[in-house]
Amino acid sequence: MKKTIGIVGARGHTGAELVRLVAAHPALELAFVSSRELDGQRVDAHVAGFEGGLRYESLGPAAVAGRAADTVVLAMPNGKAGGFVAAIDEAAPRTVVVDLSADHRFDDGWYYGLPELTRDRYAGERRISNPGCYATAMQLAIAPMLGGLCGPVQCFGVSGYSGAGTTPSDRNDTALLRDNLMPYALAGHIHEREATRQLGTPVEFMPHVAAHFRGITLTANLRLREPTEIETVQARYRERYADEPLVEVLDDAPWVSRVAGRHGVQIGGFTLSEDGRRLVVVATLDNLLKGAATQAMQNLNLALGFGEFESIPL
């Protein structure tokens, strides 16, 4: 018998990607998709490739909890998850909840689900916090060098405007972004704090938005305690991610255009200073997929006992 799943906040870009992944899953079926703006409209009218007569509903916290789905994904902006989590805690505590917002990424009572780095810590938790898109790229780019760092890691990030969501703003206004690169939140960004907390080392992050729709380029500048050789660095990354089908280690710097629409991460462009103590690494991923929906599916599969990569094209 299939497990049931509900998605709250399904109007957004990530919600649509998750609908497609669930539809392709042999052991999951959509119980409901909630969107206040699209209430009553057919899902297949908004999500290309989805088939069936399912319609969006506008469901509040009590209604979502009352559906008693096996799992619920909260795909809402930051600050909106609390009421839904409280209602599910009270009415259906065994429901697996995956929160795509930042609301529970700093809560030790929730499992932080970046499987490539944290799956060994999963202990059957029913409350799972999905990492941020930039924070995912930062952590995967930095993790193999932990233990050999000297000082904060500086990260320069550029995202497509889909990362700004569907609510109109300067950061998803295509007219403003044309021929432009828009910096924002240049100190104290929540993904900076998230990566710092999870890695246990200071990360300084400077995000920007560009005119392309999807995909992140993240360039990390790492200071090393001891001089090293480029072959040693490349070998360390390849060894660390050798068994990770969603992480590809390259010699050359990855291009965001080559990862857009794909479910994994590419890491490469390894460059050392002359003294061998400054390393630059480039990571790219699709912010809507590995940065959100794909990672959520990995976490759902892990929590429900399925193969981690079920329904994810490798």
C-alpha atoms as a PDB file:
ATOM      1  CA  MET A   1       0.000   0.000   0.000  1.00  0.00           C
ATOM      2  CA  LYS A   2       1.303   3.448  -0.940  1.00  0.00           C
ATOM      3  CA  LYS A   3       2.230   6.074   1.629  1.00  0.00           C
ATOM      4  CA  THR A   4       0.306   9.337   1.399  1.00  0.00           C
ATOM      5  CA  ILE A   5       1.846  12.798   1.228  1.00  0.00           C
ATOM      6  CA  GLY A   6       0.462  16.309   1.412  1.00  0.00           C
ATOM      7  CA  ILE A   7       2.221  19.475   0.249  1.00  0.00           C
ATOM      8  CA  VAL A   8       1.450  22.847   1.819  1.00  0.00           C
ATOM      9  CA  GLY A   9       2.554  25.848  -0.220  1.00  0.00           C
ATOM     10  CA  ALA A  10       2.426  23.987  -3.501  1.00  0.00           C
ATOM     11  CA  ARG A  11       2.020  27.089  -5.694  1.00  0.00           C
ATOM     12  CA  GLY A  12       5.730  27.940  -5.557  1.00  0.00           C
ATOM     13  CA  HIS A  13       8.507  26.763  -7.869  1.00  0.00           C
ATOM     14  CA  THR A  14       9.749  24.190  -5.350  1.00  0.00           C
ATOM     15  CA  GLY A  15       6.242  22.870  -4.725  1.00  0.00           C
ATOM     16  CA  ALA A  16       5.815  22.175  -8.427  1.00  0.00           C
ATOM     17  CA  GLU A  17       9.126  20.305  -8.590  1.00  0.00           C
ATOM     18  CA  LEU A  18       8.125  18.238  -5.569  1.00  0.00           C
ATOM     19  CA  VAL A  19       4.748  17.374  -7.130  1.00  0.00           C
ATOM     20  CA  ARG A  20       6.619  15.954 -10.132  1.00  0.00           C
ATOM     21  CA  LEU A  21       8.965  13.902  -7.939  1.00  0.00           C
ATOM     22  CA  VAL A  22       6.078  12.492  -5.899  1.00  0.00           C
ATOM     23  CA  ALA A  23       4.144  11.625  -9.061  1.00  0.00           C
ATOM     24  CA  ALA A  24       7.130   9.582 -10.250  1.00  0.00           C
ATOM     25  CA  HIS A  25       7.468   7.726  -6.939  1.00  0.00           C
ATOM     26  CA  PRO A  26       6.153   4.131  -7.004  1.00  0.00           C
ATOM     27  CA  ALA A  27       5.334   4.072  -3.286  1.00  0.00           C
ATOM     28  CA  LEU A  28       3.967   7.584  -2.674  1.00  0.00           C
ATOM     29  CA  GLU A  29       0.697   9.216  -3.681  1.00  0.00           C
ATOM     30  CA  LEU A  30      -0.452  12.793  -3.273  1.00  0.00           C
ATOM     31  CA  ALA A  31      -3.210  13.100  -0.694  1.00  0.00           C
ATOM     32  CA  PHE A  32      -3.547  16.856  -1.118  1.00  0.00           C
ATOM     33  CA  VAL A  33      -1.778  19.956  -2.378  1.00  0.00           C
ATOM     34  CA  SER A  34      -2.599  23.178  -0.578  1.00  0.00           C
ATOM     35  CA  SER A  35      -2.408  26.633  -2.117  1.00  0.00           C
ATOM     36  CA  ARG A  36      -4.600  29.556  -1.110  1.00  0.00           C
ATOM     37  CA  GLU A  37      -4.048  31.336  -4.427  1.00  0.00           C
ATOM     38  CA  LEU A  38      -4.812  28.291  -6.609  1.00  0.00           C
ATOM     39  CA  ASP A  39      -7.699  26.886  -4.546  1.00  0.00           C
ATOM     40  CA  GLY A  40     -10.001  24.798  -6.754  1.00  0.00           C
ATOM     41  CA  GLN A  41      -7.748  24.761  -9.803  1.00  0.00           C
ATOM     42  CA  ARG A  42      -6.426  21.533 -11.302  1.00  0.00           C
ATOM     43  CA  VAL A  43      -2.832  20.694 -10.495  1.00  0.00           C
ATOM     44  CA  ASP A  44      -2.162  19.498 -14.045  1.00  0.00           C
ATOM     45  CA  ALA A  45      -2.974  22.993 -15.309  1.00  0.00           C
ATOM     46  CA  HIS A  46       0.052  24.362 -13.426  1.00  0.00           C
ATOM     47  CA  VAL A  47       2.553  21.501 -13.212  1.00  0.00           C
ATOM     48  CA  ALA A  48       3.822  20.243 -16.540  1.00  0.00           C
ATOM     49  CA  GLY A  49       3.999  16.461 -16.694  1.00  0.00           C
ATOM     50  CA  PHE A  50       1.542  15.872 -13.856  1.00  0.00           C
ATOM     51  CA  GLU A  51      -1.482  13.745 -14.722  1.00  0.00           C
ATOM     52  CA  GLY A  52      -4.746  13.226 -12.869  1.00  0.00           C
ATOM     53  CA  GLY A  53      -7.704  15.195 -11.586  1.00  0.00           C
ATOM     54  CA  LEU A  54      -6.209  16.394  -8.291  1.00  0.00           C
ATOM     55  CA  ARG A  55      -7.075  20.002  -7.425  1.00  0.00           C
ATOM     56  CA  TYR A  56      -5.412  22.523  -5.172  1.00  0.00           C
ATOM     57  CA  GLU A  57      -7.133  23.225  -1.868  1.00  0.00           C
ATOM     58  CA  SER A  58      -6.767  26.033   0.635  1.00  0.00           C
ATOM     59  CA  LEU A  59      -6.099  24.196   3.893  1.00  0.00           C
ATOM     60  CA  GLY A  60      -5.342  25.686   7.279  1.00  0.00           C
ATOM     61  CA  PRO A  61      -3.308  23.960  10.012  1.00  0.00           C
ATOM     62  CA  ALA A  62      -6.223  22.020  11.531  1.00  0.00           C
ATOM     63  CA  ALA A  63      -7.397  20.791   8.123  1.00  0.00           C
ATOM     64  CA  VAL A  64      -3.894  19.629   7.171  1.00  0.00           C
ATOM     65  CA  ALA A  65      -3.472  17.779  10.475  1.00  0.00           C
ATOM     66  CA  GLY A  66      -6.921  16.247  10.091  1.00  0.00           C
ATOM     67  CA  ARG A  67      -6.034  14.627   6.772  1.00  0.00           C
ATOM     68  CA  ALA A  68      -3.699  12.250   8.662  1.00  0.00           C
ATOM     69  CA  ALA A  69      -1.306  11.880   5.717  1.00  0.00           C
ATOM     70  CA  ASP A  70       1.754   9.740   6.327  1.00  0.00           C
ATOM     71  CA  THR A  71       3.939  12.729   5.565  1.00  0.00           C
ATOM     72  CA  VAL A  72       3.511  16.473   5.045  1.00  0.00           C
ATOM     73  CA  VAL A  73       5.949  18.796   3.300  1.00  0.00           C
ATOM     74  CA  LEU A  74       5.775  22.458   4.286  1.00  0.00           C
ATOM     75  CA  ALA A  75       6.966  24.505   1.303  1.00  0.00           C
ATOM     76  CA  MET A  76       6.180  27.952   2.653  1.00  0.00           C
ATOM     77  CA  PRO A  77       8.148  31.154   3.296  1.00  0.00           C
ATOM     78  CA  ASN A  78      10.092  31.532   6.522  1.00  0.00           C
ATOM     79  CA  GLY A  79       7.962  32.156   9.581  1.00  0.00           C
ATOM     80  CA  LYS A  80       4.846  30.299   8.379  1.00  0.00           C
ATOM     81  CA  ALA A  81       5.438  26.715   9.531  1.00  0.00           C
ATOM     82  CA  GLY A  82       4.703  27.057  13.261  1.00  0.00           C
ATOM     83  CA  GLY A  83       0.915  26.761  13.182  1.00  0.00           C
ATOM     84  CA  PHE A  84       0.977  23.708  10.935  1.00  0.00           C
ATOM     85  CA  VAL A  85       3.606  21.945  13.022  1.00  0.00           C
ATOM     86  CA  ALA A  86       1.671  22.641  16.247  1.00  0.00           C
ATOM     87  CA  ALA A  87      -1.553  21.253  14.740  1.00  0.00           C
ATOM     88  CA  ILE A  88       0.187  18.118  13.464  1.00  0.00           C
ATOM     89  CA  ASP A  89       1.984  17.627  16.790  1.00  0.00           C
ATOM     90  CA  GLU A  90      -1.385  17.628  18.523  1.00  0.00           C
ATOM     91  CA  ALA A  91      -3.568  15.677  16.097  1.00  0.00           C
ATOM     92  CA  ALA A  92      -1.157  13.417  14.156  1.00  0.00           C
ATOM     93  CA  PRO A  93       2.254  13.300  15.890  1.00  0.00           C
ATOM     94  CA  ARG A  94       3.431  10.245  13.913  1.00  0.00           C
ATOM     95  CA  THR A  95       3.204  12.156  10.647  1.00  0.00           C
ATOM     96  CA  VAL A  96       6.600  12.800   9.070  1.00  0.00           C
ATOM     97  CA  VAL A  97       6.989  16.556   8.571  1.00  0.00           C
ATOM     98  CA  VAL A  98       9.636  18.000   6.248  1.00  0.00           C
ATOM     99  CA  ASP A  99       9.969  21.777   6.565  1.00  0.00           C
ATOM    100  CA  LEU A 100      11.597  23.497   3.589  1.00  0.00           C
ATOM    101  CA  SER A 101      11.771  26.871   5.345  1.00  0.00           C
ATOM    102  CA  ALA A 102      14.452  28.001   7.787  1.00  0.00           C
ATOM    103  CA  ASP A 103      12.052  27.842  10.735  1.00  0.00           C
ATOM    104  CA  HIS A 104      13.539  24.667  12.256  1.00  0.00           C
ATOM    105  CA  ARG A 105      17.113  24.587  10.942  1.00  0.00           C
ATOM    106  CA  PHE A 106      18.404  25.847  14.279  1.00  0.00           C
ATOM    107  CA  ASP A 107      16.190  23.564  16.382  1.00  0.00           C
ATOM    108  CA  ASP A 108      18.075  20.649  17.939  1.00  0.00           C
ATOM    109  CA  GLY A 109      14.792  18.742  18.215  1.00  0.00           C
ATOM    110  CA  TRP A 110      14.627  18.448  14.427  1.00  0.00           C
ATOM    111  CA  TYR A 111      16.852  16.313  12.218  1.00  0.00           C
ATOM    112  CA  TYR A 112      18.823  18.503   9.807  1.00  0.00           C
ATOM    113  CA  GLY A 113      18.602  16.660   6.517  1.00  0.00           C
ATOM    114  CA  LEU A 114      21.594  17.150   4.248  1.00  0.00           C
ATOM    115  CA  PRO A 115      21.964  13.397   3.598  1.00  0.00           C
ATOM    116  CA  GLU A 116      25.470  13.440   2.124  1.00  0.00           C
ATOM    117  CA  LEU A 117      26.731  14.918   5.390  1.00  0.00           C
ATOM    118  CA  THR A 118      24.126  13.986   8.015  1.00  0.00           C
ATOM    119  CA  ARG A 119      22.430  10.696   7.058  1.00  0.00           C
ATOM    120  CA  ASP A 120      24.567   8.814   9.594  1.00  0.00           C
ATOM    121  CA  ARG A 121      22.993  10.952  12.331  1.00  0.00           C
ATOM    122  CA  TYR A 122      19.404  10.142  11.362  1.00  0.00           C
ATOM    123  CA  ALA A 123      17.729   8.282  14.224  1.00  0.00           C
ATOM    124  CA  GLY A 124      14.128   7.935  13.069  1.00  0.00           C
ATOM    125  CA  GLU A 125      13.065  11.533  13.715  1.00  0.00           C
ATOM    126  CA  ARG A 126       9.612  12.467  12.384  1.00  0.00           C
ATOM    127  CA  ARG A 127      10.490  16.171  12.158  1.00  0.00           C
ATOM    128  CA  ILE A 128      13.008  17.012   9.437  1.00  0.00           C
ATOM    129  CA  SER A 129      14.416  20.399   8.497  1.00  0.00           C
ATOM    130  CA  ASN A 130      15.450  20.724   4.857  1.00  0.00           C
ATOM    131  CA  PRO A 131      18.672  22.757   4.391  1.00  0.00           C
ATOM    132  CA  GLY A 132      18.791  26.034   2.493  1.00  0.00           C
ATOM    133  CA  CYS A 133      19.932  25.989  -1.126  1.00  0.00           C
ATOM    134  CA  TYR A 134      23.002  28.179  -0.650  1.00  0.00           C
ATOM    135  CA  ALA A 135      23.783  26.437   2.648  1.00  0.00           C
ATOM    136  CA  THR A 136      23.764  23.082   0.843  1.00  0.00           C
ATOM    137  CA  ALA A 137      26.265  24.310  -1.745  1.00  0.00           C
ATOM    138  CA  MET A 138      28.487  25.890   0.906  1.00  0.00           C
ATOM    139  CA  GLN A 139      28.603  22.821   3.135  1.00  0.00           C
ATOM    140  CA  LEU A 140      29.308  20.376   0.322  1.00  0.00           C
ATOM    141  CA  ALA A 141      32.046  22.656  -1.038  1.00  0.00           C
ATOM    142  CA  ILE A 142      33.744  23.062   2.348  1.00  0.00           C
ATOM    143  CA  ALA A 143      33.168  19.753   4.200  1.00  0.00           C
ATOM    144  CA  PRO A 144      36.065  17.724   2.744  1.00  0.00           C
ATOM    145  CA  MET A 145      38.556  20.320   4.013  1.00  0.00           C
ATOM    146  CA  LEU A 146      37.242  20.569   7.573  1.00  0.00           C
ATOM    147  CA  GLY A 147      40.029  20.075  10.049  1.00  0.00           C
ATOM    148  CA  GLY A 148      42.552  21.782   7.814  1.00  0.00           C
ATOM    149  CA  LEU A 149      41.120  25.289   7.762  1.00  0.00           C
ATOM    150  CA  CYS A 150      42.667  28.446   9.146  1.00  0.00           C
ATOM    151  CA  GLY A 151      40.158  31.252   9.685  1.00  0.00           C
ATOM    152  CA  PRO A 152      36.718  31.927   8.200  1.00  0.00           C
ATOM    153  CA  VAL A 153      35.691  30.636   4.773  1.00  0.00           C
ATOM    154  CA  GLN A 154      34.471  33.350   2.392  1.00  0.00           C
ATOM    155  CA  CYS A 155      31.727  32.373  -0.047  1.00  0.00           C
ATOM    156  CA  PHE A 156      30.500  34.398  -3.019  1.00  0.00           C
ATOM    157  CA  GLY A 157      27.156  33.143  -4.306  1.00  0.00           C
ATOM    158  CA  VAL A 158      25.022  33.897  -7.350  1.00  0.00           C
ATOM    159  CA  SER A 159      21.503  32.491  -7.705  1.00  0.00           C
ATOM    160  CA  GLY A 160      18.872  32.538 -10.371  1.00  0.00           C
ATOM    161  CA  TYR A 161      15.820  34.613  -9.499  1.00  0.00           C
ATOM    162  CA  SER A 162      13.618  31.581  -8.809  1.00  0.00           C
ATOM    163  CA  GLY A 163      15.327  31.527  -5.422  1.00  0.00           C
ATOM    164  CA  ALA A 164      13.406  34.691  -4.528  1.00  0.00           C
ATOM    165  CA  GLY A 165      10.090  32.830  -4.789  1.00  0.00           C
ATOM    166  CA  THR A 166       6.901  33.842  -6.563  1.00  0.00           C
ATOM    167  CA  THR A 167       5.932  36.861  -4.445  1.00  0.00           C
ATOM    168  CA  PRO A 168       6.958  39.932  -6.497  1.00  0.00           C
ATOM    169  CA  SER A 169      10.124  41.685  -5.319  1.00  0.00           C
ATOM    170  CA  ASP A 170      13.199  43.400  -6.748  1.00  0.00           C
ATOM    171  CA  ARG A 171      15.014  40.054  -6.615  1.00  0.00           C
ATOM    172  CA  ASN A 172      12.632  38.335  -9.031  1.00  0.00           C
ATOM    173  CA  ASP A 173      11.830  41.338 -11.212  1.00  0.00           C
ATOM    174  CA  THR A 174      13.243  40.336 -14.586  1.00  0.00           C
ATOM    175  CA  ALA A 175      13.272  43.945 -15.813  1.00  0.00           C
ATOM    176  CA  LEU A 176      15.496  45.041 -12.916  1.00  0.00           C
ATOM    177  CA  LEU A 177      17.726  41.982 -13.255  1.00  0.00           C
ATOM    178  CA  ARG A 178      18.315  42.339 -16.983  1.00  0.00           C
ATOM    179  CA  ASP A 179      22.042  43.046 -17.573  1.00  0.00           C
ATOM    180  CA  ASN A 180      22.456  43.215 -13.815  1.00  0.00           C
ATOM    181  CA  LEU A 181      23.828  41.398 -10.772  1.00  0.00           C
ATOM    182  CA  MET A 182      21.973  42.291  -7.591  1.00  0.00           C
ATOM    183  CA  PRO A 183      23.771  41.966  -4.223  1.00  0.00           C
ATOM    184  CA  TYR A 184      21.726  41.615  -1.023  1.00  0.00           C
ATOM    185  CA  ALA A 185      22.075  40.586   2.666  1.00  0.00           C
ATOM    186  CA  LEU A 186      25.860  40.800   2.394  1.00  0.00           C
ATOM    187  CA  ALA A 187      26.454  40.006   6.081  1.00  0.00           C
ATOM    188  CA  GLY A 188      24.421  37.846   8.435  1.00  0.00           C
ATOM    189  CA  HIS A 189      22.398  36.032   5.756  1.00  0.00           C
ATOM    190  CA  ILE A 190      20.505  33.135   7.344  1.00  0.00           C
ATOM    191  CA  HIS A 191      22.326  30.606   5.150  1.00  0.00           C
ATOM    192  CA  GLU A 192      25.624  32.019   6.429  1.00  0.00           C
ATOM    193  CA  ARG A 193      24.528  31.293   9.991  1.00  0.00           C
ATOM    194  CA  GLU A 194      23.166  27.894   8.980  1.00  0.00           C
ATOM    195  CA  ALA A 195      26.395  26.757   7.309  1.00  0.00           C
ATOM    196  CA  THR A 196      28.488  28.094  10.195  1.00  0.00           C
ATOM    197  CA  ARG A 197      26.380  26.159  12.702  1.00  0.00           C
ATOM    198  CA  GLN A 198      26.392  22.897  10.797  1.00  0.00           C
ATOM    199  CA  LEU A 199      30.075  22.918   9.802  1.00  0.00           C
ATOM    200  CA  GLY A 200      31.328  24.200  13.154  1.00  0.00           C
ATOM    201  CA  THR A 201      33.592  26.705  11.422  1.00  0.00           C
ATOM    202  CA  PRO A 202      32.994  30.389  10.552  1.00  0.00           C
ATOM    203  CA  VAL A 203      31.515  31.023   7.102  1.00  0.00           C
ATOM    204  CA  GLU A 204      31.170  34.497   5.574  1.00  0.00           C
ATOM    205  CA  PHE A 205      28.676  34.650   2.722  1.00  0.00           C
ATOM    206  CA  MET A 206      27.883  37.301   0.107  1.00  0.00           C
ATOM    207  CA  PRO A 207      24.785  36.417  -1.991  1.00  0.00           C
ATOM    208  CA  HIS A 208      23.723  37.898  -5.324  1.00  0.00           C
ATOM    209  CA  VAL A 209      20.830  37.382  -7.739  1.00  0.00           C
ATOM    210  CA  ALA A 210      21.312  37.208 -11.495  1.00  0.00           C
ATOM    211  CA  ALA A 211      18.999  37.266 -14.505  1.00  0.00           C
ATOM    212  CA  HIS A 212      18.881  33.498 -15.090  1.00  0.00           C
ATOM    213  CA  PHE A 213      15.892  31.594 -13.686  1.00  0.00           C
ATOM    214  CA  ARG A 214      17.431  28.660 -11.805  1.00  0.00           C
ATOM    215  CA  GLY A 215      20.756  27.448 -10.515  1.00  0.00           C
ATOM    216  CA  ILE A 216      23.415  28.551  -8.009  1.00  0.00           C
ATOM    217  CA  THR A 217      27.116  29.188  -8.464  1.00  0.00           C
ATOM    218  CA  LEU A 218      29.005  29.217  -5.156  1.00  0.00           C
ATOM    219  CA  THR A 219      32.700  30.140  -5.019  1.00  0.00           C
ATOM    220  CA  ALA A 220      34.382  29.336  -1.696  1.00  0.00           C
ATOM    221  CA  ASN A 221      37.723  30.786  -0.596  1.00  0.00           C
ATOM    222  CA  LEU A 222      39.402  28.572   2.018  1.00  0.00           C
ATOM    223  CA  ARG A 223      42.552  29.408   4.010  1.00  0.00           C
ATOM    224  CA  LEU A 224      44.527  26.281   4.912  1.00  0.00           C
ATOM    225  CA  ARG A 225      46.685  25.680   7.977  1.00  0.00           C
ATOM    226  CA  GLU A 226      49.300  23.758   6.017  1.00  0.00           C
ATOM    227  CA  PRO A 227      50.477  24.028   2.407  1.00  0.00           C
ATOM    228  CA  THR A 228      49.022  21.363   0.128  1.00  0.00           C
ATOM    229  CA  GLU A 229      49.125  20.164  -3.464  1.00  0.00           C
ATOM    230  CA  ILE A 230      46.266  20.340  -5.960  1.00  0.00           C
ATOM    231  CA  GLU A 231      46.367  16.560  -6.497  1.00  0.00           C
ATOM    232  CA  THR A 232      45.896  16.027  -2.755  1.00  0.00           C
ATOM    233  CA  VAL A 233      42.896  18.344  -2.707  1.00  0.00           C
ATOM    234  CA  GLN A 234      41.230  16.705  -5.700  1.00  0.00           C
ATOM    235  CA  ALA A 235      41.813  13.247  -4.255  1.00  0.00           C
ATOM    236  CA  ARG A 236      40.265  14.298  -0.948  1.00  0.00           C
ATOM    237  CA  TYR A 237      37.065  15.532  -2.642  1.00  0.00           C
ATOM    238  CA  ARG A 238      36.807  12.484  -4.878  1.00  0.00           C
ATOM    239  CA  GLU A 239      37.273  10.146  -1.934  1.00  0.00           C
ATOM    240  CA  ARG A 240      34.758  12.012   0.225  1.00  0.00           C
ATOM    241  CA  TYR A 241      32.026  11.884  -2.433  1.00  0.00           C
ATOM    242  CA  ALA A 242      32.937   8.654  -4.224  1.00  0.00           C
ATOM    243  CA  ASP A 243      29.736   6.916  -3.108  1.00  0.00           C
ATOM    244  CA  GLU A 244      27.414   9.904  -3.531  1.00  0.00           C
ATOM    245  CA  PRO A 245      25.441   9.642  -6.788  1.00  0.00           C
ATOM    246  CA  LEU A 246      24.222  13.245  -6.526  1.00  0.00           C
ATOM    247  CA  VAL A 247      27.694  14.774  -6.113  1.00  0.00           C
ATOM    248  CA  GLU A 248      30.027  14.991  -9.117  1.00  0.00           C
ATOM    249  CA  VAL A 249      33.613  16.141  -8.634  1.00  0.00           C
ATOM    250  CA  LEU A 250      35.164  17.806 -11.689  1.00  0.00           C
ATOM    251  CA  ASP A 251      38.612  19.142 -12.556  1.00  0.00           C
ATOM    252  CA  ASP A 252      37.274  22.274 -14.248  1.00  0.00           C
ATOM    253  CA  ALA A 253      34.997  24.839 -12.658  1.00  0.00           C
ATOM    254  CA  PRO A 254      31.358  23.781 -13.122  1.00  0.00           C
ATOM    255  CA  TRP A 255      28.890  25.938 -15.068  1.00  0.00           C
ATOM    256  CA  VAL A 256      25.468  26.718 -13.694  1.00  0.00           C
ATOM    257  CA  SER A 257      23.912  26.236 -17.145  1.00  0.00           C
ATOM    258  CA  ARG A 258      25.060  22.616 -17.069  1.00  0.00           C
ATOM    259  CA  VAL A 259      23.457  21.821 -13.705  1.00  0.00           C
ATOM    260  CA  ALA A 260      20.139  23.636 -14.166  1.00  0.00           C
ATOM    261  CA  GLY A 261      17.322  21.088 -14.292  1.00  0.00           C
ATOM    262  CA  ARG A 262      19.551  18.349 -12.852  1.00  0.00           C
ATOM    263  CA  HIS A 263      19.221  16.823  -9.409  1.00  0.00           C
ATOM    264  CA  GLY A 264      22.824  16.818  -8.232  1.00  0.00           C
ATOM    265  CA  VAL A 265      25.745  19.027  -7.311  1.00  0.00           C
ATOM    266  CA  GLN A 266      28.919  19.650  -9.276  1.00  0.00           C
ATOM    267  CA  ILE A 267      32.104  20.664  -7.444  1.00  0.00           C
ATOM    268  CA  GLY A 268      35.371  21.616  -9.144  1.00  0.00           C
ATOM    269  CA  GLY A 269      37.594  24.420 -10.332  1.00  0.00           C
ATOM    270  CA  PHE A 270      40.094  23.632  -7.567  1.00  0.00           C
ATOM    271  CA  THR A 271      42.704  26.383  -7.521  1.00  0.00           C
ATOM    272  CA  LEU A 272      45.601  26.880  -5.102  1.00  0.00           C
ATOM    273  CA  SER A 273      47.687  29.950  -4.414  1.00  0.00           C
ATOM    274  CA  GLU A 274      51.438  29.785  -5.014  1.00  0.00           C
ATOM    275  CA  ASP A 275      52.120  29.021  -1.358  1.00  0.00           C
ATOM    276  CA  GLY A 276      49.529  26.217  -1.337  1.00  0.00           C
ATOM    277  CA  ARG A 277      47.623  27.710   1.601  1.00  0.00           C
ATOM    278  CA  ARG A 278      44.680  29.326  -0.161  1.00  0.00           C
ATOM    279  CA  LEU A 279      42.183  27.055  -1.918  1.00  0.00           C
ATOM    280  CA  VAL A 280      39.304  28.191  -4.130  1.00  0.00           C
ATOM    281  CA  VAL A 281      36.479  25.729  -4.859  1.00  0.00           C
ATOM    282  CA  VAL A 282      33.378  26.189  -7.049  1.00  0.00           C
ATOM    283  CA  ALA A 283      30.076  24.367  -6.497  1.00  0.00           C
ATOM    284  CA  THR A 284      26.919  24.538  -8.615  1.00  0.00           C
ATOM    285  CA  LEU A 285      23.459  23.122  -8.019  1.00  0.00           C
ATOM    286  CA  ASP A 286      19.869  23.720  -9.035  1.00  0.00           C
ATOM    287  CA  ASN A 287      18.319  25.680  -6.170  1.00  0.00           C
ATOM    288  CA  LEU A 288      14.862  24.211  -6.844  1.00  0.00           C
ATOM    289  CA  LEU A 289      16.085  20.600  -6.982  1.00  0.00           C
ATOM    290  CA  LYS A 290      19.111  19.576  -4.890  1.00  0.00           C
ATOM    291  CA  GLY A 291      18.699  22.917  -3.122  1.00  0.00           C
ATOM    292  CA  ALA A 292      15.096  22.086  -2.172  1.00  0.00           C
ATOM    293  CA  ALA A 293      12.773  19.473  -3.737  1.00  0.00           C
ATOM    294  CA  THR A 294      15.320  16.738  -4.518  1.00  0.00           C
ATOM    295  CA  GLN A 295      16.788  17.015  -1.040  1.00  0.00           C
ATOM    296  CA  ALA A 296      13.285  16.863   0.442  1.00  0.00           C
ATOM    297  CA  MET A 297      12.667  13.639  -1.484  1.00  0.00           C
ATOM    298  CA  GLN A 298      15.930  12.167  -0.177  1.00  0.00           C
ATOM    299  CA  ASN A 299      14.767  12.994   3.354  1.00  0.00           C
ATOM    300  CA  LEU A 300      11.289  11.572   2.779  1.00  0.00           C
ATOM    301  CA  ASN A 301      12.711   8.345   1.411  1.00  0.00           C
ATOM    302  CA  LEU A 302      15.045   8.066   4.384  1.00  0.00           C
ATOM    303  CA  ALA A 303      12.237   8.658   6.897  1.00  0.00           C
ATOM    304  CA  LEU A 304       9.770   6.292   5.213  1.00  0.00           C
ATOM    305  CA  GLY A 305      12.226   3.443   4.715  1.00  0.00           C
ATOM    306  CA  PHE A 306      12.501   3.645   0.919  1.00  0.00           C
ATOM    307  CA  GLY A 307      15.694   3.735  -1.099  1.00  0.00           C
ATOM    308  CA  GLU A 308      17.147   7.222  -0.654  1.00  0.00           C
ATOM    309  CA  PHE A 309      17.142   8.026  -4.368  1.00  0.00           C
ATOM    310  CA  GLU A 310      13.727   6.544  -5.255  1.00  0.00           C
ATOM    311  CA  SER A 311      12.019   8.727  -7.935  1.00  0.00           C
ATOM    312  CA  ILE A 312      15.149  10.933  -8.292  1.00  0.00           C
ATOM    313  CA  PRO A 313      16.673  10.691 -11.805  1.00  0.00           C
ATOM    314  CA  LEU A 314      20.367   9.960 -11.334  1.00  0.00           C
END
